[in-house]
Amino acid sequence: MTTMLGLVLAMVAGLLMTRIMKLFNLPNVTGYLVAGIIVGPYCCNFVNATSLAEISFISTVALGFIAFSIGGEFKLSTIKAIGGKVIVIAIIQAIGAVFMVMGGLFILRAINPDLISVPSILVLSAISAATAPAATLMVVKQFKAKGPVTETLLPVVAFDDAIALMVFAVCFGLAKSLTSGAEISAISVVVRPLLEIVVSLAIGGAIGFVLSVVCRFFRSRANRLGWMIACVLAGVGICELLELSSLLTCMMTGAVFCNMREDSVKILDGSERWTPPLFMLFFVISGATLDLAVIPQVGLVGIVYLVCRSIGKYAGAYGSALLMKTDKNVRNYLGITLLPQAGVAIGMATIVANTEGFDEVAKSVVTVVLCATLIYELIGPVLTKWALAKAGEIDPKMSSIPIVEMFKKAKQKKNV
């Protein structure tokens, strides 16, 4: 099957799976991932590994637009209204996951040093901080969630990935020094990672400024949409060329743009009208890369990672929300919505796998991250939707399960 036909089949499978998900009122994201697993090389092989490699750029572009959409939530007026609570919560829950995973894996290493190396512990601990912004954003939009938890969740997810990238840069630099046996220096561990972050944000800010300026001269919806797409693609392309973080760059582009334009919400709506098919393809492709065979391979390391990360995320979110005296629902349910993990984590694992001399570390890291992604992405969106429903931020009508309602109505007719 050609790559183009494989792409068509992936889209059709994703669309058909949404009908099944609707019967159980589950997030479309879950359906897309399941569709990807079915058509992918590890199941029916309708879309093989070669085709996935050829269309991998779609995932890169989709992550750029996802980051741009999240950046659009960084309205200074909104952040001022929420105050510094969001930043504190984002930092504590991210660092909570890192230290919880690091502690759990070091205990495991103390019991059996052969199970995992110190560089692997450092890398996995850093990756644990990342949350999947795409899954969260899709669930919020699909169910039109509104309320304190949602208002806190979106900026926390945005800050979360920025923090995760910074922590990863530092831990990965330290892991490379330990693996190579080279002398650990402040330049390799701190200066270079921070420089990458600053440059990524600077480029994103410049592109956001350009986008806000050109929108003054191009007033039609079509032209503005064209400029938006061009600017996001430019951010992704420049970062690919310079080996910078496209997530941070595109997030900064969206943030600068939304704060420089009073009509940014109206303009961003134009982007949201065409991105759903792109996001769908991103999740179907992500699902196709997930190999169910990795589940038995993760062993104790994977179990410790999954359990410790979940505890760290929830405890960090709960404790920080309690410290900041936020709404009760934010304390109780925010941590659950932060469990999904996908694109950013896989991207970090890919960086490890492509690093020379990291073969042994990459093997354990990639296996654990892929397994965690599979589990978190299948149950994460469902838990996010459940948490938002329990917090009362989703319309009760949208929380009901259609197939259950069908059986109830059928039973009532039978009794009559």
Protein backbone atom coordinates (compact mmCIF):
# COMPACT_ATOMS: atom_id res chain seq x y z
CA MET A 1 0.00 0.00 0.00
CA THR A 2 1.34 3.44 -0.92
CA THR A 3 2.04 6.03 1.75
CA MET A 4 -0.81 8.21 0.49
CA LEU A 5 -3.35 5.38 0.66
CA GLY A 6 -2.02 4.47 4.10
CA LEU A 7 -2.62 8.05 5.19
CA VAL A 8 -6.19 7.90 3.86
CA LEU A 9 -6.80 4.62 5.67
CA ALA A 10 -5.45 6.11 8.90
CA MET A 11 -7.88 9.03 8.62
CA VAL A 12 -10.84 6.76 7.83
CA ALA A 13 -10.00 4.46 10.73
CA GLY A 14 -9.77 7.45 13.08
CA LEU A 15 -13.12 8.84 11.92
CA LEU A 16 -14.88 5.47 12.20
CA MET A 17 -13.49 4.90 15.67
CA THR A 18 -15.03 8.19 16.88
CA ARG A 19 -18.48 6.66 16.22
CA ILE A 20 -17.65 3.76 18.54
CA MET A 21 -16.24 6.12 21.17
CA LYS A 22 -19.42 8.18 20.99
CA LEU A 23 -21.50 5.17 22.04
CA PHE A 24 -19.55 5.06 25.31
CA ASN A 25 -19.07 8.86 25.50
CA LEU A 26 -15.30 8.43 25.55
CA PRO A 27 -12.85 11.07 24.26
CA ASN A 28 -12.10 10.97 20.54
CA VAL A 29 -8.38 10.93 21.41
CA THR A 30 -8.73 7.40 22.77
CA GLY A 31 -10.45 6.32 19.56
CA TYR A 32 -7.70 7.80 17.39
CA LEU A 33 -5.02 5.96 19.37
CA VAL A 34 -6.88 2.65 19.15
CA ALA A 35 -7.37 3.18 15.40
CA GLY A 36 -3.64 3.79 15.02
CA ILE A 37 -2.78 0.61 16.90
CA ILE A 38 -5.13 -1.41 14.66
CA VAL A 39 -3.87 -0.10 11.30
CA GLY A 40 -0.22 0.19 12.40
CA PRO A 41 2.74 -2.11 11.71
CA TYR A 42 2.39 -3.96 15.01
CA CYS A 43 -1.17 -5.12 14.38
CA CYS A 44 -2.78 -5.28 10.88
CA ASN A 45 0.18 -3.57 9.16
CA PHE A 46 -2.03 -1.55 6.81
CA VAL A 47 0.35 1.34 7.49
CA ASN A 48 3.86 -0.08 7.68
CA ALA A 49 7.00 1.25 9.38
CA THR A 50 8.31 2.75 6.12
CA SER A 51 5.11 4.74 5.59
CA LEU A 52 5.20 5.94 9.20
CA ALA A 53 8.74 7.21 8.70
CA GLU A 54 7.70 9.08 5.55
CA ILE A 55 4.77 10.84 7.27
CA SER A 56 6.52 11.46 10.59
CA PHE A 57 6.77 15.17 9.72
CA ILE A 58 2.99 15.39 10.28
CA SER A 59 3.53 14.68 13.99
CA THR A 60 6.22 17.36 14.18
CA VAL A 61 3.96 19.94 12.51
CA ALA A 62 0.96 18.92 14.64
CA LEU A 63 2.97 19.37 17.84
CA GLY A 64 3.90 22.86 16.61
CA PHE A 65 0.24 23.83 16.19
CA ILE A 66 -0.66 22.23 19.53
CA ALA A 67 2.03 24.31 21.23
CA PHE A 68 0.81 27.41 19.37
CA SER A 69 -2.77 26.79 20.60
CA ILE A 70 -1.58 26.38 24.19
CA GLY A 71 0.50 29.55 23.90
CA GLY A 72 -2.69 31.31 22.88
CA GLU A 73 -4.01 30.60 26.39
CA PHE A 74 -1.23 32.69 27.94
CA LYS A 75 -3.24 35.89 28.10
CA LEU A 76 -1.52 38.12 30.65
CA SER A 77 -4.90 39.33 31.84
CA THR A 78 -5.95 35.74 32.58
CA ILE A 79 -2.67 34.89 34.28
CA LYS A 80 -2.90 38.05 36.41
CA ALA A 81 -6.43 37.06 37.42
CA ILE A 82 -5.22 33.62 38.46
CA GLY A 83 -2.07 35.12 39.96
CA GLY A 84 1.16 33.25 40.59
CA LYS A 85 -0.81 30.17 41.60
CA VAL A 86 -0.50 28.56 38.19
CA ILE A 87 3.28 28.91 38.07
CA VAL A 88 3.70 27.51 41.59
CA ILE A 89 1.38 24.57 40.87
CA ALA A 90 3.11 23.84 37.54
CA ILE A 91 6.58 23.82 39.11
CA ILE A 92 5.68 21.73 42.17
CA GLN A 93 3.69 19.05 40.30
CA ALA A 94 6.43 18.70 37.65
CA ILE A 95 9.27 18.54 40.16
CA GLY A 96 7.13 16.25 42.35
CA ALA A 97 6.95 13.70 39.51
CA VAL A 98 10.70 13.99 38.83
CA PHE A 99 11.74 13.38 42.45
CA MET A 100 9.16 10.65 43.02
CA VAL A 101 10.32 8.70 39.94
CA MET A 102 13.97 9.34 40.74
CA GLY A 103 13.52 8.13 44.31
CA GLY A 104 11.59 5.02 43.25
CA LEU A 105 14.16 4.05 40.59
CA PHE A 106 17.15 4.64 42.89
CA ILE A 107 15.52 2.37 45.50
CA LEU A 108 15.05 -0.24 42.75
CA ARG A 109 18.70 0.12 41.76
CA ALA A 110 19.77 -0.27 45.39
CA ILE A 111 17.89 -3.59 45.50
CA ASN A 112 19.25 -4.79 42.12
CA PRO A 113 21.89 -2.61 40.36
CA ASP A 114 21.55 -4.66 37.15
CA LEU A 115 17.97 -3.50 36.54
CA ILE A 116 18.76 0.11 35.64
CA SER A 117 21.77 2.44 35.32
CA VAL A 118 22.17 5.90 36.85
CA PRO A 119 22.04 7.70 33.44
CA SER A 120 18.76 5.88 32.67
CA ILE A 121 17.35 6.98 36.04
CA LEU A 122 18.25 10.61 35.34
CA VAL A 123 16.70 10.58 31.86
CA LEU A 124 13.49 8.77 32.87
CA SER A 125 13.04 11.07 35.88
CA ALA A 126 13.27 14.14 33.64
CA ILE A 127 10.85 12.69 31.07
CA SER A 128 8.31 11.96 33.83
CA ALA A 129 7.66 15.70 34.24
CA ALA A 130 6.15 16.02 30.76
CA THR A 131 2.38 16.00 30.22
CA ALA A 132 0.65 15.52 26.87
CA PRO A 133 -0.81 18.93 25.95
CA ALA A 134 -2.56 17.56 22.86
CA ALA A 135 -4.69 14.97 24.67
CA THR A 136 -5.68 17.46 27.35
CA LEU A 137 -6.53 20.19 24.84
CA MET A 138 -8.61 17.81 22.70
CA VAL A 139 -10.68 16.60 25.68
CA VAL A 140 -11.30 20.16 26.89
CA LYS A 141 -12.44 21.27 23.43
CA GLN A 142 -14.53 18.19 22.66
CA PHE A 143 -16.56 18.40 25.88
CA LYS A 144 -16.50 22.23 26.05
CA ALA A 145 -15.19 22.15 29.62
CA LYS A 146 -15.35 25.41 31.58
CA GLY A 147 -14.54 26.21 35.19
CA PRO A 148 -11.70 26.65 37.73
CA VAL A 149 -10.07 23.27 36.97
CA THR A 150 -10.03 23.91 33.21
CA GLU A 151 -8.80 27.50 33.66
CA THR A 152 -5.95 26.22 35.82
CA LEU A 153 -5.25 23.12 33.74
CA LEU A 154 -4.42 24.72 30.38
CA PRO A 155 -1.73 27.16 31.59
CA VAL A 156 -0.34 24.51 33.97
CA VAL A 157 0.08 22.08 31.05
CA ALA A 158 1.82 24.80 29.04
CA PHE A 159 4.21 25.69 31.88
CA ASP A 160 4.60 21.99 32.65
CA ASP A 161 6.16 21.16 29.29
CA ALA A 162 8.43 24.20 29.46
CA ILE A 163 9.65 23.02 32.88
CA ALA A 164 9.99 19.42 31.62
CA LEU A 165 12.17 20.54 28.71
CA MET A 166 14.41 22.52 31.05
CA VAL A 167 14.76 19.62 33.51
CA PHE A 168 15.40 17.18 30.65
CA ALA A 169 18.11 19.38 29.18
CA VAL A 170 19.95 19.47 32.53
CA CYS A 171 19.49 15.76 33.38
CA PHE A 172 20.39 14.64 29.85
CA GLY A 173 23.54 16.73 29.93
CA LEU A 174 24.48 15.12 33.24
CA ALA A 175 23.65 11.63 31.91
CA LYS A 176 25.87 12.19 28.83
CA SER A 177 28.75 13.22 31.05
CA LEU A 178 28.33 10.10 33.20
CA THR A 179 28.08 7.82 30.18
CA SER A 180 31.09 9.25 28.36
CA GLY A 181 33.18 9.54 31.49
CA ALA A 182 33.91 13.17 30.65
CA GLU A 183 34.31 15.79 33.31
CA ILE A 184 30.98 17.23 34.46
CA SER A 185 30.98 21.00 34.04
CA ALA A 186 28.51 23.81 34.56
CA ILE A 187 28.67 24.58 30.84
CA SER A 188 27.55 21.10 29.72
CA VAL A 189 24.93 20.64 32.43
CA VAL A 190 23.44 24.13 32.88
CA VAL A 191 24.69 26.76 30.40
CA ARG A 192 24.02 24.91 27.13
CA PRO A 193 20.52 23.73 28.07
CA LEU A 194 19.55 27.18 29.32
CA LEU A 195 20.97 28.77 26.16
CA GLU A 196 18.82 26.43 24.03
CA ILE A 197 15.73 27.42 26.03
CA VAL A 198 16.44 31.16 25.79
CA VAL A 199 17.13 31.01 22.03
CA SER A 200 13.97 28.94 21.40
CA LEU A 201 11.85 31.45 23.32
CA ALA A 202 13.52 34.41 21.58
CA ILE A 203 12.83 32.99 18.11
CA GLY A 204 9.24 32.24 19.09
CA GLY A 205 8.78 35.77 20.42
CA ALA A 206 10.15 37.27 17.21
CA ILE A 207 7.84 35.14 15.03
CA GLY A 208 4.85 36.04 17.24
CA PHE A 209 5.70 39.73 16.87
CA VAL A 210 5.88 39.40 13.08
CA LEU A 211 2.55 37.56 12.99
CA SER A 212 0.82 40.24 15.07
CA VAL A 213 2.18 43.00 12.83
CA VAL A 214 1.25 41.42 9.49
CA CYS A 215 -2.31 40.80 10.73
CA ARG A 216 -2.76 44.59 10.70
CA PHE A 217 -2.31 44.64 6.93
CA PHE A 218 -4.08 41.39 6.05
CA ARG A 219 -7.65 41.50 7.26
CA SER A 220 -9.35 38.64 5.43
CA ARG A 221 -9.80 35.39 7.34
CA ALA A 222 -8.07 33.38 4.59
CA ASN A 223 -4.97 35.61 4.51
CA ARG A 224 -4.61 35.67 8.28
CA LEU A 225 -4.96 31.90 8.42
CA GLY A 226 -2.27 31.63 5.75
CA TRP A 227 0.09 33.81 7.79
CA MET A 228 -0.60 31.80 10.95
CA ILE A 229 0.22 28.53 9.22
CA ALA A 230 3.34 30.04 7.64
CA CYS A 231 4.60 31.38 10.99
CA VAL A 232 4.06 28.11 12.86
CA LEU A 233 5.74 26.14 10.06
CA ALA A 234 8.60 28.66 10.11
CA GLY A 235 9.04 28.12 13.85
CA VAL A 236 9.08 24.34 13.45
CA GLY A 237 11.45 24.52 10.47
CA ILE A 238 13.94 26.86 12.15
CA CYS A 239 14.01 24.67 15.26
CA GLU A 240 14.57 21.55 13.15
CA LEU A 241 17.47 23.31 11.42
CA LEU A 242 19.07 24.65 14.62
CA GLU A 243 18.14 21.64 16.80
CA LEU A 244 16.08 23.77 19.19
CA SER A 245 12.77 23.12 20.92
CA SER A 246 9.89 23.68 18.47
CA LEU A 247 7.44 23.27 21.37
CA LEU A 248 8.87 26.21 23.30
CA THR A 249 9.21 28.28 20.12
CA CYS A 250 5.63 27.75 18.91
CA MET A 251 4.27 28.18 22.44
CA MET A 252 6.04 31.54 22.69
CA THR A 253 4.73 32.53 19.23
CA GLY A 254 1.16 31.94 20.38
CA ALA A 255 1.73 33.74 23.69
CA VAL A 256 3.21 36.87 22.10
CA PHE A 257 0.54 36.96 19.40
CA CYS A 258 -2.42 36.64 21.79
CA ASN A 259 -1.07 39.42 23.99
CA MET A 260 -0.31 41.83 21.15
CA ARG A 261 -3.68 41.49 19.41
CA GLU A 262 -6.96 42.35 21.13
CA ASP A 263 -8.79 40.32 18.48
CA SER A 264 -6.47 37.31 18.89
CA VAL A 265 -9.29 35.00 20.03
CA LYS A 266 -11.25 35.69 16.84
CA ILE A 267 -8.16 35.17 14.67
CA LEU A 268 -7.13 31.98 16.49
CA ASP A 269 -10.61 30.57 15.87
CA GLY A 270 -9.65 30.44 12.20
CA SER A 271 -6.74 28.14 13.01
CA GLU A 272 -8.93 25.87 15.10
CA ARG A 273 -11.28 25.30 12.17
CA TRP A 274 -8.71 23.39 10.12
CA THR A 275 -6.42 21.83 12.73
CA PRO A 276 -8.77 19.02 13.98
CA PRO A 277 -7.91 16.70 11.02
CA LEU A 278 -4.21 17.42 11.62
CA PHE A 279 -4.54 16.59 15.32
CA MET A 280 -6.49 13.44 14.47
CA LEU A 281 -3.67 12.28 12.18
CA PHE A 282 -1.15 13.05 14.91
CA PHE A 283 -2.91 10.74 17.36
CA VAL A 284 -3.53 7.99 14.81
CA ILE A 285 0.16 8.07 13.83
CA SER A 286 1.13 8.08 17.52
CA GLY A 287 -1.08 5.04 18.07
CA ALA A 288 0.49 3.28 15.08
CA THR A 289 3.95 3.64 16.63
CA LEU A 290 2.85 1.91 19.84
CA ASP A 291 3.89 -1.73 20.02
CA LEU A 292 1.76 -3.76 22.43
CA ALA A 293 4.64 -6.24 22.69
CA VAL A 294 6.63 -3.75 24.78
CA ILE A 295 4.27 -4.15 27.74
CA PRO A 296 5.76 -7.46 28.99
CA GLN A 297 9.28 -6.05 28.50
CA VAL A 298 9.10 -3.13 30.91
CA GLY A 299 9.20 -5.23 34.07
CA LEU A 300 9.78 -3.62 37.44
CA VAL A 301 11.35 -0.47 35.98
CA GLY A 302 8.21 0.32 33.98
CA ILE A 303 5.90 -0.42 36.88
CA VAL A 304 7.90 1.82 39.24
CA TYR A 305 7.91 4.58 36.61
CA LEU A 306 4.15 4.41 36.06
CA VAL A 307 3.24 4.25 39.75
CA CYS A 308 5.73 6.86 40.98
CA ARG A 309 4.94 9.33 38.18
CA SER A 310 1.20 9.06 38.85
CA ILE A 311 1.70 9.57 42.59
CA GLY A 312 4.14 12.43 42.02
CA LYS A 313 1.81 14.25 39.62
CA TYR A 314 -1.27 13.91 41.79
CA ALA A 315 0.45 14.62 45.10
CA GLY A 316 2.36 17.57 43.63
CA ALA A 317 -0.80 19.09 42.16
CA TYR A 318 -2.85 18.47 45.30
CA GLY A 319 -0.19 19.80 47.68
CA SER A 320 0.58 22.90 45.63
CA ALA A 321 -3.12 23.66 45.08
CA LEU A 322 -3.67 23.31 48.84
CA LEU A 323 -0.71 25.61 49.49
CA MET A 324 -2.11 28.19 47.06
CA LYS A 325 -5.60 27.90 48.63
CA THR A 326 -7.29 27.19 45.32
CA ASP A 327 -10.81 25.94 44.70
CA LYS A 328 -11.56 22.53 46.26
CA ASN A 329 -12.21 20.97 42.85
CA VAL A 330 -8.80 22.15 41.63
CA ARG A 331 -7.13 20.38 44.56
CA ASN A 332 -9.06 17.16 44.09
CA TYR A 333 -9.09 16.76 40.32
CA LEU A 334 -6.24 18.74 38.71
CA GLY A 335 -3.65 16.00 39.34
CA ILE A 336 -5.75 13.41 37.51
CA THR A 337 -5.94 15.58 34.39
CA LEU A 338 -2.12 15.82 34.28
CA LEU A 339 -1.50 12.09 33.76
CA PRO A 340 -1.59 11.86 29.90
CA GLN A 341 1.87 11.61 28.36
CA ALA A 342 2.75 11.35 24.67
CA GLY A 343 4.41 13.59 22.09
CA VAL A 344 6.85 15.53 24.28
CA ALA A 345 7.91 12.40 26.18
CA ILE A 346 8.36 10.41 22.95
CA GLY A 347 10.32 13.32 21.50
CA MET A 348 12.69 13.27 24.48
CA ALA A 349 13.07 9.48 24.20
CA THR A 350 13.85 9.87 20.48
CA ILE A 351 16.61 12.37 21.30
CA VAL A 352 18.13 9.80 23.68
CA ALA A 353 17.84 7.03 21.05
CA ASN A 354 19.57 9.18 18.42
CA THR A 355 22.49 10.10 20.69
CA GLU A 356 25.74 8.32 19.94
CA GLY A 357 27.01 6.06 22.74
CA PHE A 358 23.62 5.87 24.42
CA ASP A 359 22.59 2.44 23.09
CA GLU A 360 22.06 0.74 26.45
CA VAL A 361 20.40 3.74 28.04
CA ALA A 362 18.19 4.29 24.99
CA LYS A 363 16.97 0.69 25.03
CA SER A 364 15.55 0.90 28.56
CA VAL A 365 14.35 4.50 28.24
CA VAL A 366 12.51 4.04 24.91
CA THR A 367 10.85 0.80 26.06
CA VAL A 368 9.58 2.32 29.31
CA VAL A 369 8.44 5.58 27.69
CA LEU A 370 6.57 3.80 24.86
CA CYS A 371 4.81 1.50 27.32
CA ALA A 372 3.93 4.42 29.58
CA THR A 373 2.66 6.38 26.58
CA LEU A 374 0.45 3.48 25.53
CA ILE A 375 -1.09 3.15 28.98
CA TYR A 376 -1.33 6.85 29.80
CA GLU A 377 -2.75 7.84 26.41
CA LEU A 378 -5.41 5.13 26.45
CA ILE A 379 -6.64 5.81 29.99
CA GLY A 380 -5.40 9.40 30.46
CA PRO A 381 -8.01 11.15 28.28
CA VAL A 382 -10.75 9.04 29.89
CA LEU A 383 -9.56 10.04 33.36
CA THR A 384 -9.28 13.69 32.29
CA LYS A 385 -12.87 13.66 31.07
CA TRP A 386 -14.01 11.90 34.28
CA ALA A 387 -12.19 14.43 36.50
CA LEU A 388 -13.64 17.42 34.63
CA ALA A 389 -17.11 15.87 34.83
CA LYS A 390 -16.74 15.26 38.60
CA ALA A 391 -15.62 18.87 38.99
CA GLY A 392 -18.88 19.94 37.32
CA GLU A 393 -17.13 21.57 34.37
CA ILE A 394 -18.70 19.38 31.68
CA ASP A 395 -22.40 19.54 30.80
CA PRO A 396 -24.08 16.50 32.48
CA LYS A 397 -25.75 15.71 29.15
CA MET A 398 -22.30 15.24 27.62
CA SER A 399 -21.25 12.98 30.51
CA SER A 400 -23.98 10.42 29.97
CA ILE A 401 -23.15 7.21 28.10
CA PRO A 402 -25.37 6.88 25.00
CA ILE A 403 -25.26 3.09 24.81
CA VAL A 404 -26.35 2.84 28.46
CA GLU A 405 -29.16 5.31 27.83
CA MET A 406 -30.29 3.20 24.87
CA PHE A 407 -30.56 0.11 27.06
CA LYS A 408 -32.45 2.06 29.73
CA LYS A 409 -34.99 3.36 27.22
CA ALA A 410 -35.41 -0.10 25.71
CA LYS A 411 -36.01 -1.54 29.17
CA GLN A 412 -38.56 1.16 30.01
CA LYS A 413 -40.49 0.45 26.80
CA LYS A 414 -40.47 -3.25 27.57
CA ASN A 415 -41.86 -2.66 31.06
CA VAL A 416 -44.60 -0.45 29.63
